Amino acid sequence: MTKKSENQAFAFYFDASRCNGCKGCQVACKDGRNLSMERNFRRVYEYGGGTFNHNADGTMEQTSFAYYTSVSCNHCEKPACITACPTGAMHKRDGGIVTIHDDICIGCASCAEACPYDAPQIDTSRGKMTKCDGCFERLAFGLQPLCVQSCSQRALDCGTVSDLQARYGGTPGVGHIAPLPAPGITQPNLLIRSSPCTRPTGDTNGSVLNPNEV
């Protein structure tokens, strides 16, 4: 009997049932990475919808729902950003973290146009593309990424795919929720635990309620 191989690629875990939308992860990343106002390596989407209906007897019925989704670069198995990059600046480090060779990036934004998660973002002051790199410098010292460390509800975690599966169950790309795109596009290394409020990817009954923040 052969031993099943383990997936040692870097991945994030998000628990939608725990996230209260405090945006501590987004703020910690922005502050710790000294990001300008227009750049967010991690974003917290508020997604909601539904209706309120008045009944003839004076009562009301509602189908309203709302929840939060925290997302950054998902360090995908098939990163569209790498395929689109004309210089090879966008690449994978050992362990699967997707990052950028700053010295050969020409700031063309092809990676940003290709990524369905809006992960690559332009640093207009330098004319270079930037993105979440999993805080790989912190990982090397046994520290968590800033976003994970700052989450007061423990809704975020990271590790290898196999470690996260052992801890929480689930499969990367399975059970993704709106407003995230279909996972088959890039095969994101992101495990998600849904909640009773969440809607599946492709849902048309809700919308992003905080577009100016993401």
C-alpha atoms as a PDB file:
ATOM      1  CA  MET A   1       0.000   0.000   0.000  1.00  0.00           C
ATOM      2  CA  THR A   2       1.492   3.362  -1.008  1.00  0.00           C
ATOM      3  CA  LYS A   3       1.375   6.329   1.304  1.00  0.00           C
ATOM      4  CA  LYS A   4      -0.791   9.175   0.052  1.00  0.00           C
ATOM      5  CA  SER A   5       1.349  12.191  -0.850  1.00  0.00           C
ATOM      6  CA  GLU A   6       0.779  15.350   1.142  1.00  0.00           C
ATOM      7  CA  ASN A   7       0.238  18.788  -0.334  1.00  0.00           C
ATOM      8  CA  GLN A   8       2.904  21.028   1.170  1.00  0.00           C
ATOM      9  CA  ALA A   9       1.859  24.163  -0.715  1.00  0.00           C
ATOM     10  CA  PHE A  10       1.260  27.302   1.350  1.00  0.00           C
ATOM     11  CA  ALA A  11      -2.432  28.081   1.894  1.00  0.00           C
ATOM     12  CA  PHE A  12      -4.794  30.329   3.820  1.00  0.00           C
ATOM     13  CA  TYR A  13      -7.861  29.222   5.806  1.00  0.00           C
ATOM     14  CA  PHE A  14     -10.913  31.421   6.378  1.00  0.00           C
ATOM     15  CA  ASP A  15     -13.845  30.670   8.703  1.00  0.00           C
ATOM     16  CA  ALA A  16     -16.860  32.736   7.649  1.00  0.00           C
ATOM     17  CA  SER A  17     -18.768  31.621  10.756  1.00  0.00           C
ATOM     18  CA  ARG A  18     -16.228  33.422  12.968  1.00  0.00           C
ATOM     19  CA  CYS A  19     -15.522  36.611  11.011  1.00  0.00           C
ATOM     20  CA  ASN A  20     -17.290  39.667  12.483  1.00  0.00           C
ATOM     21  CA  GLY A  21     -16.054  42.121   9.859  1.00  0.00           C
ATOM     22  CA  CYS A  22     -13.781  44.086  12.193  1.00  0.00           C
ATOM     23  CA  LYS A  23     -11.221  44.429   9.363  1.00  0.00           C
ATOM     24  CA  GLY A  24      -8.348  44.035  11.800  1.00  0.00           C
ATOM     25  CA  CYS A  25      -6.611  41.779   9.284  1.00  0.00           C
ATOM     26  CA  GLN A  26      -6.881  44.407   6.554  1.00  0.00           C
ATOM     27  CA  VAL A  27      -5.644  47.218   8.811  1.00  0.00           C
ATOM     28  CA  ALA A  28      -2.752  45.174  10.264  1.00  0.00           C
ATOM     29  CA  CYS A  29      -1.540  44.259   6.779  1.00  0.00           C
ATOM     30  CA  LYS A  30      -1.872  47.817   5.536  1.00  0.00           C
ATOM     31  CA  ASP A  31      -0.031  49.228   8.537  1.00  0.00           C
ATOM     32  CA  GLY A  32       2.657  46.558   8.763  1.00  0.00           C
ATOM     33  CA  ARG A  33       3.468  46.691   5.067  1.00  0.00           C
ATOM     34  CA  ASN A  34       3.283  50.496   4.933  1.00  0.00           C
ATOM     35  CA  LEU A  35       0.754  50.453   2.101  1.00  0.00           C
ATOM     36  CA  SER A  36      -0.583  53.565   0.454  1.00  0.00           C
ATOM     37  CA  MET A  37      -4.290  54.385   0.643  1.00  0.00           C
ATOM     38  CA  GLU A  38      -5.146  52.831  -2.718  1.00  0.00           C
ATOM     39  CA  ARG A  39      -3.513  49.460  -1.984  1.00  0.00           C
ATOM     40  CA  ASN A  40      -4.958  46.635   0.117  1.00  0.00           C
ATOM     41  CA  PHE A  41      -3.176  43.283   0.075  1.00  0.00           C
ATOM     42  CA  ARG A  42      -6.019  41.824   2.147  1.00  0.00           C
ATOM     43  CA  ARG A  43      -9.614  42.963   1.790  1.00  0.00           C
ATOM     44  CA  VAL A  44     -12.766  42.275   3.778  1.00  0.00           C
ATOM     45  CA  TYR A  45     -15.882  42.124   1.631  1.00  0.00           C
ATOM     46  CA  GLU A  46     -19.308  42.736   3.142  1.00  0.00           C
ATOM     47  CA  TYR A  47     -21.770  40.694   1.110  1.00  0.00           C
ATOM     48  CA  GLY A  48     -25.524  40.802   1.620  1.00  0.00           C
ATOM     49  CA  GLY A  49     -28.938  40.863   0.069  1.00  0.00           C
ATOM     50  CA  GLY A  50     -32.496  39.619   0.400  1.00  0.00           C
ATOM     51  CA  THR A  51     -35.894  41.255   0.720  1.00  0.00           C
ATOM     52  CA  PHE A  52     -38.564  42.308   3.248  1.00  0.00           C
ATOM     53  CA  ASN A  53     -42.174  41.598   2.321  1.00  0.00           C
ATOM     54  CA  HIS A  54     -45.381  42.894   3.945  1.00  0.00           C
ATOM     55  CA  ASN A  55     -48.152  40.329   4.315  1.00  0.00           C
ATOM     56  CA  ALA A  56     -51.861  41.078   4.132  1.00  0.00           C
ATOM     57  CA  ASP A  57     -52.252  40.322   7.847  1.00  0.00           C
ATOM     58  CA  GLY A  58     -49.770  43.038   8.766  1.00  0.00           C
ATOM     59  CA  THR A  59     -46.833  40.748   9.449  1.00  0.00           C
ATOM     60  CA  MET A  60     -43.530  40.776   7.596  1.00  0.00           C
ATOM     61  CA  GLU A  61     -41.336  38.091   6.085  1.00  0.00           C
ATOM     62  CA  GLN A  62     -37.695  38.544   5.184  1.00  0.00           C
ATOM     63  CA  THR A  63     -34.979  36.699   3.327  1.00  0.00           C
ATOM     64  CA  SER A  64     -32.165  39.095   4.227  1.00  0.00           C
ATOM     65  CA  PHE A  65     -28.613  37.905   4.806  1.00  0.00           C
ATOM     66  CA  ALA A  66     -25.166  39.422   5.284  1.00  0.00           C
ATOM     67  CA  TYR A  67     -21.683  38.129   6.020  1.00  0.00           C
ATOM     68  CA  TYR A  68     -18.000  38.959   5.602  1.00  0.00           C
ATOM     69  CA  THR A  69     -15.284  37.415   3.458  1.00  0.00           C
ATOM     70  CA  SER A  70     -11.598  38.117   4.079  1.00  0.00           C
ATOM     71  CA  VAL A  71      -9.393  37.445   1.063  1.00  0.00           C
ATOM     72  CA  SER A  72      -5.886  38.181  -0.174  1.00  0.00           C
ATOM     73  CA  CYS A  73      -3.674  36.491  -2.734  1.00  0.00           C
ATOM     74  CA  ASN A  74      -4.511  32.781  -2.637  1.00  0.00           C
ATOM     75  CA  HIS A  75      -1.122  31.595  -3.932  1.00  0.00           C
ATOM     76  CA  CYS A  76      -2.934  29.503  -6.499  1.00  0.00           C
ATOM     77  CA  GLU A  77      -1.890  26.200  -8.015  1.00  0.00           C
ATOM     78  CA  LYS A  78      -2.359  27.712 -11.473  1.00  0.00           C
ATOM     79  CA  PRO A  79      -1.736  31.437 -10.974  1.00  0.00           C
ATOM     80  CA  ALA A  80      -3.122  33.505 -13.832  1.00  0.00           C
ATOM     81  CA  CYS A  81      -0.765  36.308 -12.814  1.00  0.00           C
ATOM     82  CA  ILE A  82       2.339  34.223 -13.549  1.00  0.00           C
ATOM     83  CA  THR A  83       1.016  33.181 -16.948  1.00  0.00           C
ATOM     84  CA  ALA A  84       0.261  36.794 -17.836  1.00  0.00           C
ATOM     85  CA  CYS A  85       3.565  38.303 -16.666  1.00  0.00           C
ATOM     86  CA  PRO A  86       5.744  39.082 -19.722  1.00  0.00           C
ATOM     87  CA  THR A  87       9.058  39.356 -17.861  1.00  0.00           C
ATOM     88  CA  GLY A  88       8.942  36.483 -15.378  1.00  0.00           C
ATOM     89  CA  ALA A  89       8.798  38.908 -12.462  1.00  0.00           C
ATOM     90  CA  MET A  90       5.758  37.121 -11.069  1.00  0.00           C
ATOM     91  CA  HIS A  91       6.888  33.705  -9.830  1.00  0.00           C
ATOM     92  CA  LYS A  92       6.480  31.029  -7.177  1.00  0.00           C
ATOM     93  CA  ARG A  93       8.894  30.643  -4.306  1.00  0.00           C
ATOM     94  CA  ASP A  94       9.683  27.246  -2.797  1.00  0.00           C
ATOM     95  CA  GLY A  95       6.586  26.246  -0.866  1.00  0.00           C
ATOM     96  CA  GLY A  96       4.173  27.727  -3.383  1.00  0.00           C
ATOM     97  CA  ILE A  97       4.064  31.373  -2.303  1.00  0.00           C
ATOM     98  CA  VAL A  98       3.534  33.644  -5.311  1.00  0.00           C
ATOM     99  CA  THR A  99       5.676  36.776  -5.219  1.00  0.00           C
ATOM    100  CA  ILE A 100       7.350  39.364  -7.450  1.00  0.00           C
ATOM    101  CA  HIS A 101      10.934  39.961  -8.586  1.00  0.00           C
ATOM    102  CA  ASP A 102      10.838  43.727  -8.090  1.00  0.00           C
ATOM    103  CA  ASP A 103      13.950  44.365 -10.143  1.00  0.00           C
ATOM    104  CA  ILE A 104      12.484  42.985 -13.381  1.00  0.00           C
ATOM    105  CA  CYS A 105       8.856  44.085 -12.894  1.00  0.00           C
ATOM    106  CA  ILE A 106       7.960  46.716 -15.496  1.00  0.00           C
ATOM    107  CA  GLY A 107       4.642  47.696 -13.913  1.00  0.00           C
ATOM    108  CA  CYS A 108       2.599  46.761 -16.960  1.00  0.00           C
ATOM    109  CA  ALA A 109      -0.265  45.464 -14.766  1.00  0.00           C
ATOM    110  CA  SER A 110      -0.853  42.391 -16.952  1.00  0.00           C
ATOM    111  CA  CYS A 111      -0.874  40.317 -13.759  1.00  0.00           C
ATOM    112  CA  ALA A 112      -3.563  42.515 -12.213  1.00  0.00           C
ATOM    113  CA  GLU A 113      -5.753  42.219 -15.298  1.00  0.00           C
ATOM    114  CA  ALA A 114      -5.434  38.426 -15.237  1.00  0.00           C
ATOM    115  CA  CYS A 115      -5.984  37.803 -11.515  1.00  0.00           C
ATOM    116  CA  PRO A 116      -9.667  37.177 -10.610  1.00  0.00           C
ATOM    117  CA  TYR A 117      -8.966  38.071  -6.952  1.00  0.00           C
ATOM    118  CA  ASP A 118      -7.502  41.564  -7.560  1.00  0.00           C
ATOM    119  CA  ALA A 119      -4.368  40.507  -5.689  1.00  0.00           C
ATOM    120  CA  PRO A 120      -1.624  42.319  -7.692  1.00  0.00           C
ATOM    121  CA  GLN A 121      -1.819  46.084  -7.186  1.00  0.00           C
ATOM    122  CA  ILE A 122       0.307  48.860  -8.613  1.00  0.00           C
ATOM    123  CA  ASP A 123       2.573  50.984  -6.445  1.00  0.00           C
ATOM    124  CA  THR A 124       2.117  54.194  -8.392  1.00  0.00           C
ATOM    125  CA  SER A 125       5.020  55.919  -6.653  1.00  0.00           C
ATOM    126  CA  ARG A 126       7.498  53.361  -8.051  1.00  0.00           C
ATOM    127  CA  GLY A 127       5.677  52.015 -11.089  1.00  0.00           C
ATOM    128  CA  LYS A 128       5.950  48.454  -9.743  1.00  0.00           C
ATOM    129  CA  MET A 129       3.381  45.760  -9.072  1.00  0.00           C
ATOM    130  CA  THR A 130       2.925  44.611  -5.476  1.00  0.00           C
ATOM    131  CA  LYS A 131       0.880  41.938  -3.696  1.00  0.00           C
ATOM    132  CA  CYS A 132       0.535  39.712  -0.652  1.00  0.00           C
ATOM    133  CA  ASP A 133       3.575  37.465  -0.328  1.00  0.00           C
ATOM    134  CA  GLY A 134       2.312  35.504   2.662  1.00  0.00           C
ATOM    135  CA  CYS A 135       4.701  37.496   4.890  1.00  0.00           C
ATOM    136  CA  PHE A 136       7.320  34.892   3.964  1.00  0.00           C
ATOM    137  CA  GLU A 137       9.982  36.744   5.966  1.00  0.00           C
ATOM    138  CA  ARG A 138       7.884  36.251   9.109  1.00  0.00           C
ATOM    139  CA  LEU A 139       7.161  32.622   8.248  1.00  0.00           C
ATOM    140  CA  ALA A 140      10.913  31.973   8.086  1.00  0.00           C
ATOM    141  CA  PHE A 141      11.141  32.933  11.771  1.00  0.00           C
ATOM    142  CA  GLY A 142       8.117  30.886  12.797  1.00  0.00           C
ATOM    143  CA  LEU A 143       5.809  33.905  12.944  1.00  0.00           C
ATOM    144  CA  GLN A 144       2.332  34.156  11.471  1.00  0.00           C
ATOM    145  CA  PRO A 145       1.454  36.582   8.673  1.00  0.00           C
ATOM    146  CA  LEU A 146       0.257  39.931   9.974  1.00  0.00           C
ATOM    147  CA  CYS A 147      -3.335  39.265   8.947  1.00  0.00           C
ATOM    148  CA  VAL A 148      -3.508  35.916  10.742  1.00  0.00           C
ATOM    149  CA  GLN A 149      -1.814  37.223  13.869  1.00  0.00           C
ATOM    150  CA  SER A 150      -4.186  40.174  14.140  1.00  0.00           C
ATOM    151  CA  CYS A 151      -7.476  38.282  13.721  1.00  0.00           C
ATOM    152  CA  SER A 152      -9.259  38.625  17.072  1.00  0.00           C
ATOM    153  CA  GLN A 153     -11.879  35.999  16.173  1.00  0.00           C
ATOM    154  CA  ARG A 154      -9.362  33.407  14.931  1.00  0.00           C
ATOM    155  CA  ALA A 155     -11.183  33.358  11.616  1.00  0.00           C
ATOM    156  CA  LEU A 156      -7.888  33.241   9.700  1.00  0.00           C
ATOM    157  CA  ASP A 157      -5.091  30.710   9.679  1.00  0.00           C
ATOM    158  CA  CYS A 158      -2.339  29.595   7.332  1.00  0.00           C
ATOM    159  CA  GLY A 159      -0.028  26.659   6.791  1.00  0.00           C
ATOM    160  CA  THR A 160       0.480  23.915   4.277  1.00  0.00           C
ATOM    161  CA  VAL A 161      -2.622  22.545   2.608  1.00  0.00           C
ATOM    162  CA  SER A 162      -2.167  19.197   4.347  1.00  0.00           C
ATOM    163  CA  ASP A 163      -1.748  20.806   7.787  1.00  0.00           C
ATOM    164  CA  LEU A 164      -4.854  22.935   7.362  1.00  0.00           C
ATOM    165  CA  GLN A 165      -6.869  19.959   6.151  1.00  0.00           C
ATOM    166  CA  ALA A 166      -5.769  17.960   9.189  1.00  0.00           C
ATOM    167  CA  ARG A 167      -6.769  20.848  11.465  1.00  0.00           C
ATOM    168  CA  TYR A 168     -10.030  21.950   9.875  1.00  0.00           C
ATOM    169  CA  GLY A 169     -10.973  19.535   7.096  1.00  0.00           C
ATOM    170  CA  GLY A 170     -12.072  20.719   3.695  1.00  0.00           C
ATOM    171  CA  THR A 171     -10.437  20.933   0.295  1.00  0.00           C
ATOM    172  CA  PRO A 172      -8.944  24.006  -1.408  1.00  0.00           C
ATOM    173  CA  GLY A 173     -11.395  25.511  -3.868  1.00  0.00           C
ATOM    174  CA  VAL A 174     -14.362  23.458  -2.638  1.00  0.00           C
ATOM    175  CA  GLY A 175     -17.316  25.303  -1.125  1.00  0.00           C
ATOM    176  CA  HIS A 176     -16.166  28.778  -2.086  1.00  0.00           C
ATOM    177  CA  ILE A 177     -18.552  31.583  -1.303  1.00  0.00           C
ATOM    178  CA  ALA A 178     -19.754  34.778  -2.967  1.00  0.00           C
ATOM    179  CA  PRO A 179     -18.382  37.237  -3.908  1.00  0.00           C
ATOM    180  CA  LEU A 180     -15.311  35.123  -4.717  1.00  0.00           C
ATOM    181  CA  PRO A 181     -14.957  33.913  -8.327  1.00  0.00           C
ATOM    182  CA  ALA A 182     -15.199  30.291  -9.401  1.00  0.00           C
ATOM    183  CA  PRO A 183     -12.171  28.441  -7.987  1.00  0.00           C
ATOM    184  CA  GLY A 184     -11.617  26.406 -11.134  1.00  0.00           C
ATOM    185  CA  ILE A 185     -10.055  29.426 -12.844  1.00  0.00           C
ATOM    186  CA  THR A 186      -6.793  29.381 -10.861  1.00  0.00           C
ATOM    187  CA  GLN A 187      -7.205  26.576  -8.290  1.00  0.00           C
ATOM    188  CA  PRO A 188      -6.636  28.817  -5.244  1.00  0.00           C
ATOM    189  CA  ASN A 189      -4.920  27.424  -2.158  1.00  0.00           C
ATOM    190  CA  LEU A 190      -7.699  28.686   0.083  1.00  0.00           C
ATOM    191  CA  LEU A 191      -9.821  26.592   2.411  1.00  0.00           C
ATOM    192  CA  ILE A 192     -13.132  28.097   3.527  1.00  0.00           C
ATOM    193  CA  ARG A 193     -15.573  27.153   6.251  1.00  0.00           C
ATOM    194  CA  SER A 194     -18.981  28.556   5.392  1.00  0.00           C
ATOM    195  CA  SER A 195     -21.739  29.695   7.740  1.00  0.00           C
ATOM    196  CA  PRO A 196     -25.547  29.490   7.618  1.00  0.00           C
ATOM    197  CA  CYS A 197     -25.576  32.969   6.029  1.00  0.00           C
ATOM    198  CA  THR A 198     -23.091  32.401   3.225  1.00  0.00           C
ATOM    199  CA  ARG A 199     -24.070  32.023  -0.404  1.00  0.00           C
ATOM    200  CA  PRO A 200     -22.143  29.986  -2.984  1.00  0.00           C
ATOM    201  CA  THR A 201     -19.883  31.472  -5.625  1.00  0.00           C
ATOM    202  CA  GLY A 202     -21.998  32.749  -8.495  1.00  0.00           C
ATOM    203  CA  ASP A 203     -24.860  33.878  -6.253  1.00  0.00           C
ATOM    204  CA  THR A 204     -26.963  36.648  -7.813  1.00  0.00           C
ATOM    205  CA  ASN A 205     -29.184  37.424  -4.824  1.00  0.00           C
ATOM    206  CA  GLY A 206     -26.660  39.646  -3.087  1.00  0.00           C
ATOM    207  CA  SER A 207     -23.976  42.225  -3.755  1.00  0.00           C
ATOM    208  CA  VAL A 208     -20.830  43.707  -2.230  1.00  0.00           C
ATOM    209  CA  LEU A 209     -22.015  46.322   0.249  1.00  0.00           C
ATOM    210  CA  ASN A 210     -18.688  48.104   0.789  1.00  0.00           C
ATOM    211  CA  PRO A 211     -17.198  48.576  -2.708  1.00  0.00           C
ATOM    212  CA  ASN A 212     -15.266  51.702  -1.710  1.00  0.00           C
ATOM    213  CA  GLU A 213     -13.338  49.784   0.966  1.00  0.00           C
ATOM    214  CA  VAL A 214     -12.119  46.938  -1.231  1.00  0.00           C
END
